[in-house]
Amino acid sequence: MCRVTRNSTRLPPGAKQVVPSLRGESYSYVLDKFWLVMGKADSGKLRVRTRRGREFQIDPDDRRLRAATWRERAVWRHKFPPLNPPPRRPLPTITGLVRRIFLRPRSARRA
């Protein structure tokens, strides 16, 4: 698990340690990120994977990074990424979007 500090005008679910700004226009808060450690990179950093399949490299001495307790694993097990994620769909291309929008039958187009 990793604790990440964010600033925003809206609070997401799960925000902790919420502190409003001086004028009350935004908030500073902490989020728990449920990442899976995939291994160690050649540079000595940890390779982690997010719930959506993105991979990052983090310094192993980072104070925000910690192991999840057995209780957190049991309660939040649906938030941890799977060990073998499904393959990611490729992003749509411009030609694919044009075909979908303009080459559809007239009955399927919006009025």
N, C-alpha and C. Protein backbone atom coordinates (compact mmCIF):
# COMPACT_ATOMS: atom_id res chain seq x y z
N MET A 1 0.84 -1.17 0.00
CA MET A 1 0.00 0.00 0.00
C MET A 1 0.88 1.23 0.00
N CYS A 2 0.38 2.26 -0.58
CA CYS A 2 1.13 3.51 -0.65
C CYS A 2 0.17 4.65 -0.33
N ARG A 3 0.60 5.57 0.50
CA ARG A 3 -0.21 6.75 0.82
C ARG A 3 0.24 7.89 -0.07
N VAL A 4 -0.72 8.48 -0.77
CA VAL A 4 -0.43 9.54 -1.71
C VAL A 4 -1.18 10.80 -1.29
N THR A 5 -0.49 11.93 -1.28
CA THR A 5 -1.11 13.22 -0.94
C THR A 5 -1.59 13.88 -2.22
N ARG A 6 -2.82 14.36 -2.21
CA ARG A 6 -3.41 15.01 -3.38
C ARG A 6 -4.08 16.31 -2.97
N ASN A 7 -4.28 17.18 -3.97
CA ASN A 7 -5.03 18.43 -3.81
C ASN A 7 -6.11 18.46 -4.86
N SER A 8 -7.33 18.83 -4.46
CA SER A 8 -8.43 18.86 -5.41
C SER A 8 -9.56 19.72 -4.85
N THR A 9 -10.48 20.10 -5.74
CA THR A 9 -11.66 20.85 -5.30
C THR A 9 -12.77 19.91 -4.84
N ARG A 10 -12.67 18.63 -5.20
CA ARG A 10 -13.65 17.63 -4.78
C ARG A 10 -12.95 16.51 -4.04
N LEU A 11 -13.62 15.97 -3.03
CA LEU A 11 -13.04 14.88 -2.27
C LEU A 11 -13.49 13.54 -2.85
N PRO A 12 -12.56 12.65 -3.14
CA PRO A 12 -12.94 11.31 -3.61
C PRO A 12 -13.33 10.43 -2.42
N PRO A 13 -14.02 9.33 -2.69
CA PRO A 13 -14.30 8.41 -1.59
C PRO A 13 -12.99 7.82 -1.07
N GLY A 14 -12.90 7.66 0.21
CA GLY A 14 -11.69 7.10 0.80
C GLY A 14 -10.65 8.14 1.19
N ALA A 15 -10.96 9.44 1.04
CA ALA A 15 -10.01 10.48 1.41
C ALA A 15 -9.86 10.53 2.93
N LYS A 16 -8.61 10.64 3.38
CA LYS A 16 -8.31 10.69 4.81
C LYS A 16 -7.49 11.94 5.08
N GLN A 17 -7.45 12.34 6.32
CA GLN A 17 -6.67 13.49 6.77
C GLN A 17 -6.97 14.71 5.89
N VAL A 18 -8.24 15.05 5.79
CA VAL A 18 -8.70 16.15 4.93
C VAL A 18 -8.41 17.48 5.61
N VAL A 19 -7.76 18.38 4.84
CA VAL A 19 -7.46 19.72 5.34
C VAL A 19 -7.90 20.72 4.26
N PRO A 20 -8.85 21.63 4.59
CA PRO A 20 -9.26 22.61 3.59
C PRO A 20 -8.19 23.69 3.41
N SER A 21 -8.19 24.32 2.23
CA SER A 21 -7.24 25.42 2.00
C SER A 21 -7.69 26.63 2.80
N LEU A 22 -6.86 27.67 2.82
CA LEU A 22 -7.17 28.85 3.63
C LEU A 22 -8.48 29.51 3.23
N ARG A 23 -8.75 29.57 1.93
CA ARG A 23 -9.99 30.20 1.47
C ARG A 23 -11.11 29.19 1.24
N GLY A 24 -10.85 27.93 1.47
CA GLY A 24 -11.87 26.91 1.33
C GLY A 24 -12.19 26.52 -0.09
N GLU A 25 -11.30 26.84 -1.05
CA GLU A 25 -11.58 26.53 -2.45
C GLU A 25 -11.14 25.12 -2.83
N SER A 26 -10.22 24.55 -2.09
CA SER A 26 -9.75 23.20 -2.41
C SER A 26 -9.40 22.48 -1.11
N TYR A 27 -9.06 21.21 -1.26
CA TYR A 27 -8.72 20.37 -0.13
C TYR A 27 -7.39 19.68 -0.37
N SER A 28 -6.70 19.41 0.71
CA SER A 28 -5.53 18.55 0.68
C SER A 28 -5.91 17.30 1.45
N TYR A 29 -5.61 16.13 0.90
CA TYR A 29 -6.03 14.89 1.54
C TYR A 29 -5.05 13.78 1.19
N VAL A 30 -5.21 12.67 1.87
CA VAL A 30 -4.35 11.51 1.68
C VAL A 30 -5.22 10.36 1.19
N LEU A 31 -4.72 9.62 0.18
CA LEU A 31 -5.41 8.44 -0.34
C LEU A 31 -4.52 7.22 -0.16
N ASP A 32 -5.14 6.09 0.12
CA ASP A 32 -4.42 4.82 0.15
C ASP A 32 -4.50 4.20 -1.24
N LYS A 33 -3.35 3.89 -1.81
CA LYS A 33 -3.29 3.24 -3.12
C LYS A 33 -2.97 1.77 -2.90
N PHE A 34 -3.72 0.91 -3.54
CA PHE A 34 -3.55 -0.53 -3.38
C PHE A 34 -2.76 -1.06 -4.57
N TRP A 35 -1.46 -1.12 -4.41
CA TRP A 35 -0.57 -1.53 -5.48
C TRP A 35 0.02 -2.90 -5.17
N LEU A 36 0.38 -3.61 -6.21
CA LEU A 36 0.99 -4.92 -6.08
C LEU A 36 2.45 -4.81 -6.49
N VAL A 37 3.36 -5.28 -5.64
CA VAL A 37 4.79 -5.24 -5.96
C VAL A 37 5.09 -6.40 -6.90
N MET A 38 5.59 -6.07 -8.10
CA MET A 38 5.86 -7.07 -9.12
C MET A 38 7.29 -7.61 -9.03
N GLY A 39 8.19 -6.82 -8.52
CA GLY A 39 9.59 -7.26 -8.43
C GLY A 39 10.50 -6.06 -8.27
N LYS A 40 11.77 -6.32 -8.47
CA LYS A 40 12.77 -5.27 -8.31
C LYS A 40 13.42 -5.01 -9.67
N ALA A 41 13.51 -3.75 -10.04
CA ALA A 41 14.12 -3.37 -11.31
C ALA A 41 15.64 -3.41 -11.18
N ASP A 42 16.33 -3.33 -12.32
CA ASP A 42 17.79 -3.34 -12.32
C ASP A 42 18.37 -2.13 -11.59
N SER A 43 17.61 -1.03 -11.56
CA SER A 43 18.08 0.19 -10.91
C SER A 43 17.94 0.12 -9.38
N GLY A 44 17.33 -0.96 -8.87
CA GLY A 44 17.15 -1.10 -7.42
C GLY A 44 15.80 -0.62 -6.95
N LYS A 45 14.99 -0.08 -7.84
CA LYS A 45 13.65 0.39 -7.45
C LYS A 45 12.65 -0.75 -7.55
N LEU A 46 11.55 -0.61 -6.83
CA LEU A 46 10.49 -1.61 -6.85
C LEU A 46 9.56 -1.35 -8.03
N ARG A 47 9.19 -2.41 -8.73
CA ARG A 47 8.20 -2.30 -9.80
C ARG A 47 6.85 -2.62 -9.19
N VAL A 48 5.90 -1.69 -9.28
CA VAL A 48 4.56 -1.89 -8.73
C VAL A 48 3.52 -1.74 -9.84
N ARG A 49 2.39 -2.44 -9.66
CA ARG A 49 1.31 -2.36 -10.63
C ARG A 49 0.06 -1.84 -9.94
N THR A 50 -0.64 -0.93 -10.62
CA THR A 50 -1.86 -0.36 -10.09
C THR A 50 -3.04 -1.27 -10.37
N ARG A 51 -4.20 -0.89 -9.86
CA ARG A 51 -5.42 -1.67 -10.09
C ARG A 51 -5.80 -1.71 -11.56
N ARG A 52 -5.46 -0.69 -12.31
CA ARG A 52 -5.82 -0.64 -13.73
C ARG A 52 -4.73 -1.16 -14.65
N GLY A 53 -3.64 -1.67 -14.09
CA GLY A 53 -2.62 -2.30 -14.89
C GLY A 53 -1.41 -1.45 -15.24
N ARG A 54 -1.38 -0.21 -14.81
CA ARG A 54 -0.19 0.62 -15.08
C ARG A 54 0.93 0.20 -14.14
N GLU A 55 2.15 0.35 -14.61
CA GLU A 55 3.30 -0.03 -13.79
C GLU A 55 4.16 1.19 -13.50
N PHE A 56 4.65 1.26 -12.27
CA PHE A 56 5.52 2.35 -11.82
C PHE A 56 6.75 1.76 -11.16
N GLN A 57 7.75 2.61 -11.01
CA GLN A 57 8.93 2.23 -10.24
C GLN A 57 9.05 3.19 -9.06
N ILE A 58 9.19 2.62 -7.87
CA ILE A 58 9.22 3.41 -6.63
C ILE A 58 10.48 3.05 -5.86
N ASP A 59 11.05 4.04 -5.21
CA ASP A 59 12.20 3.82 -4.35
C ASP A 59 11.77 2.94 -3.16
N PRO A 60 12.48 1.87 -2.85
CA PRO A 60 12.05 0.98 -1.75
C PRO A 60 12.14 1.64 -0.38
N ASP A 61 12.88 2.74 -0.26
CA ASP A 61 13.01 3.43 1.03
C ASP A 61 11.96 4.53 1.21
N ASP A 62 11.00 4.62 0.30
CA ASP A 62 9.96 5.65 0.38
C ASP A 62 9.12 5.44 1.64
N ARG A 63 8.95 6.49 2.44
CA ARG A 63 8.21 6.40 3.70
C ARG A 63 6.73 6.17 3.48
N ARG A 64 6.22 6.54 2.33
CA ARG A 64 4.79 6.38 2.07
C ARG A 64 4.41 4.95 1.74
N LEU A 65 5.38 4.12 1.39
CA LEU A 65 5.15 2.74 0.98
C LEU A 65 5.22 1.83 2.20
N ARG A 66 4.24 0.94 2.32
CA ARG A 66 4.24 -0.01 3.43
C ARG A 66 3.49 -1.27 3.02
N ALA A 67 3.75 -2.34 3.72
CA ALA A 67 3.06 -3.60 3.44
C ALA A 67 1.68 -3.55 4.06
N ALA A 68 0.72 -4.14 3.38
CA ALA A 68 -0.64 -4.20 3.91
C ALA A 68 -0.70 -5.24 5.02
N THR A 69 -1.47 -4.94 6.05
CA THR A 69 -1.65 -5.89 7.14
C THR A 69 -2.62 -6.99 6.70
N TRP A 70 -2.69 -8.07 7.45
CA TRP A 70 -3.59 -9.17 7.09
C TRP A 70 -5.03 -8.70 7.13
N ARG A 71 -5.33 -7.78 8.05
CA ARG A 71 -6.71 -7.27 8.15
C ARG A 71 -7.06 -6.43 6.93
N GLU A 72 -6.13 -5.57 6.48
CA GLU A 72 -6.37 -4.77 5.28
C GLU A 72 -6.52 -5.65 4.05
N ARG A 73 -5.73 -6.70 3.97
CA ARG A 73 -5.86 -7.63 2.84
C ARG A 73 -7.22 -8.30 2.82
N ALA A 74 -7.74 -8.64 4.00
CA ALA A 74 -9.04 -9.31 4.07
C ALA A 74 -10.18 -8.34 3.75
N VAL A 75 -10.12 -7.14 4.32
CA VAL A 75 -11.22 -6.17 4.14
C VAL A 75 -11.19 -5.57 2.75
N TRP A 76 -10.02 -5.23 2.23
CA TRP A 76 -9.90 -4.53 0.95
C TRP A 76 -9.39 -5.43 -0.17
N ARG A 77 -9.63 -6.74 -0.11
CA ARG A 77 -9.06 -7.66 -1.10
C ARG A 77 -9.52 -7.35 -2.52
N HIS A 78 -10.71 -6.78 -2.68
CA HIS A 78 -11.19 -6.44 -4.02
C HIS A 78 -10.48 -5.23 -4.60
N LYS A 79 -9.75 -4.48 -3.78
CA LYS A 79 -9.06 -3.29 -4.28
C LYS A 79 -7.63 -3.56 -4.74
N PHE A 80 -7.09 -4.71 -4.38
CA PHE A 80 -5.74 -5.06 -4.82
C PHE A 80 -5.80 -5.59 -6.24
N PRO A 81 -4.81 -5.27 -7.07
CA PRO A 81 -4.83 -5.76 -8.45
C PRO A 81 -4.63 -7.27 -8.49
N PRO A 82 -5.19 -7.93 -9.52
CA PRO A 82 -4.99 -9.38 -9.64
C PRO A 82 -3.55 -9.71 -10.01
N LEU A 83 -3.14 -10.92 -9.70
CA LEU A 83 -1.77 -11.33 -10.02
C LEU A 83 -1.56 -11.42 -11.53
N ASN A 84 -2.54 -11.92 -12.25
CA ASN A 84 -2.46 -12.02 -13.71
C ASN A 84 -3.59 -11.18 -14.31
N PRO A 85 -3.32 -9.91 -14.63
CA PRO A 85 -4.41 -9.06 -15.14
C PRO A 85 -4.80 -9.46 -16.55
N PRO A 86 -6.04 -9.17 -16.93
CA PRO A 86 -6.44 -9.42 -18.32
C PRO A 86 -5.69 -8.47 -19.24
N PRO A 87 -5.48 -8.86 -20.51
CA PRO A 87 -4.76 -7.96 -21.42
C PRO A 87 -5.54 -6.67 -21.65
N ARG A 88 -4.81 -5.57 -21.74
CA ARG A 88 -5.45 -4.27 -21.94
C ARG A 88 -5.88 -4.12 -23.39
N ARG A 89 -7.05 -3.54 -23.58
CA ARG A 89 -7.52 -3.27 -24.93
C ARG A 89 -6.71 -2.13 -25.52
N PRO A 90 -6.36 -2.21 -26.80
CA PRO A 90 -5.62 -1.10 -27.41
C PRO A 90 -6.50 0.14 -27.52
N LEU A 91 -5.87 1.29 -27.50
CA LEU A 91 -6.61 2.54 -27.64
C LEU A 91 -7.18 2.64 -29.05
N PRO A 92 -8.37 3.24 -29.18
CA PRO A 92 -8.95 3.37 -30.52
C PRO A 92 -8.14 4.33 -31.38
N THR A 93 -8.06 4.02 -32.67
CA THR A 93 -7.34 4.88 -33.60
C THR A 93 -8.30 5.91 -34.18
N ILE A 94 -7.75 6.94 -34.79
CA ILE A 94 -8.58 7.98 -35.41
C ILE A 94 -9.43 7.38 -36.53
N THR A 95 -8.84 6.51 -37.35
CA THR A 95 -9.61 5.92 -38.45
C THR A 95 -10.73 5.04 -37.92
N GLY A 96 -10.48 4.33 -36.83
CA GLY A 96 -11.53 3.51 -36.24
C GLY A 96 -12.68 4.34 -35.72
N LEU A 97 -12.35 5.49 -35.10
CA LEU A 97 -13.40 6.38 -34.60
C LEU A 97 -14.20 6.99 -35.74
N VAL A 98 -13.52 7.39 -36.81
CA VAL A 98 -14.21 7.97 -37.97
C VAL A 98 -15.14 6.93 -38.59
N ARG A 99 -14.67 5.70 -38.72
CA ARG A 99 -15.52 4.64 -39.28
C ARG A 99 -16.76 4.42 -38.42
N ARG A 100 -16.55 4.39 -37.10
CA ARG A 100 -17.67 4.14 -36.22
C ARG A 100 -18.70 5.26 -36.28
N ILE A 101 -18.24 6.50 -36.40
CA ILE A 101 -19.16 7.64 -36.39
C ILE A 101 -19.83 7.84 -37.74
N PHE A 102 -19.04 7.84 -38.82
CA PHE A 102 -19.58 8.24 -40.12
C PHE A 102 -20.00 7.08 -41.01
N LEU A 103 -19.53 5.90 -40.78
CA LEU A 103 -19.87 4.79 -41.66
C LEU A 103 -20.91 3.85 -41.05
N ARG A 104 -21.61 4.32 -40.01
CA ARG A 104 -22.68 3.54 -39.43
C ARG A 104 -23.92 3.66 -40.31
N PRO A 105 -24.83 2.70 -40.26
CA PRO A 105 -26.09 2.85 -40.96
C PRO A 105 -26.87 4.03 -40.40
N ARG A 106 -27.68 4.66 -41.25
CA ARG A 106 -28.44 5.83 -40.81
C ARG A 106 -29.35 5.53 -39.63
N SER A 107 -29.88 4.32 -39.55
CA SER A 107 -30.79 3.97 -38.45
C SER A 107 -30.07 3.97 -37.10
N ALA A 108 -28.75 3.74 -37.09
CA ALA A 108 -27.99 3.71 -35.85
C ALA A 108 -27.47 5.08 -35.44
N ARG A 109 -27.54 6.06 -36.34
CA ARG A 109 -27.04 7.41 -36.03
C ARG A 109 -28.02 8.14 -35.14
N ARG A 110 -27.48 9.05 -34.38
CA ARG A 110 -28.33 9.88 -33.51
C ARG A 110 -29.05 10.92 -34.35
N ALA A 111 -30.24 11.25 -33.94
CA ALA A 111 -31.03 12.23 -34.70
C ALA A 111 -30.60 13.63 -34.37
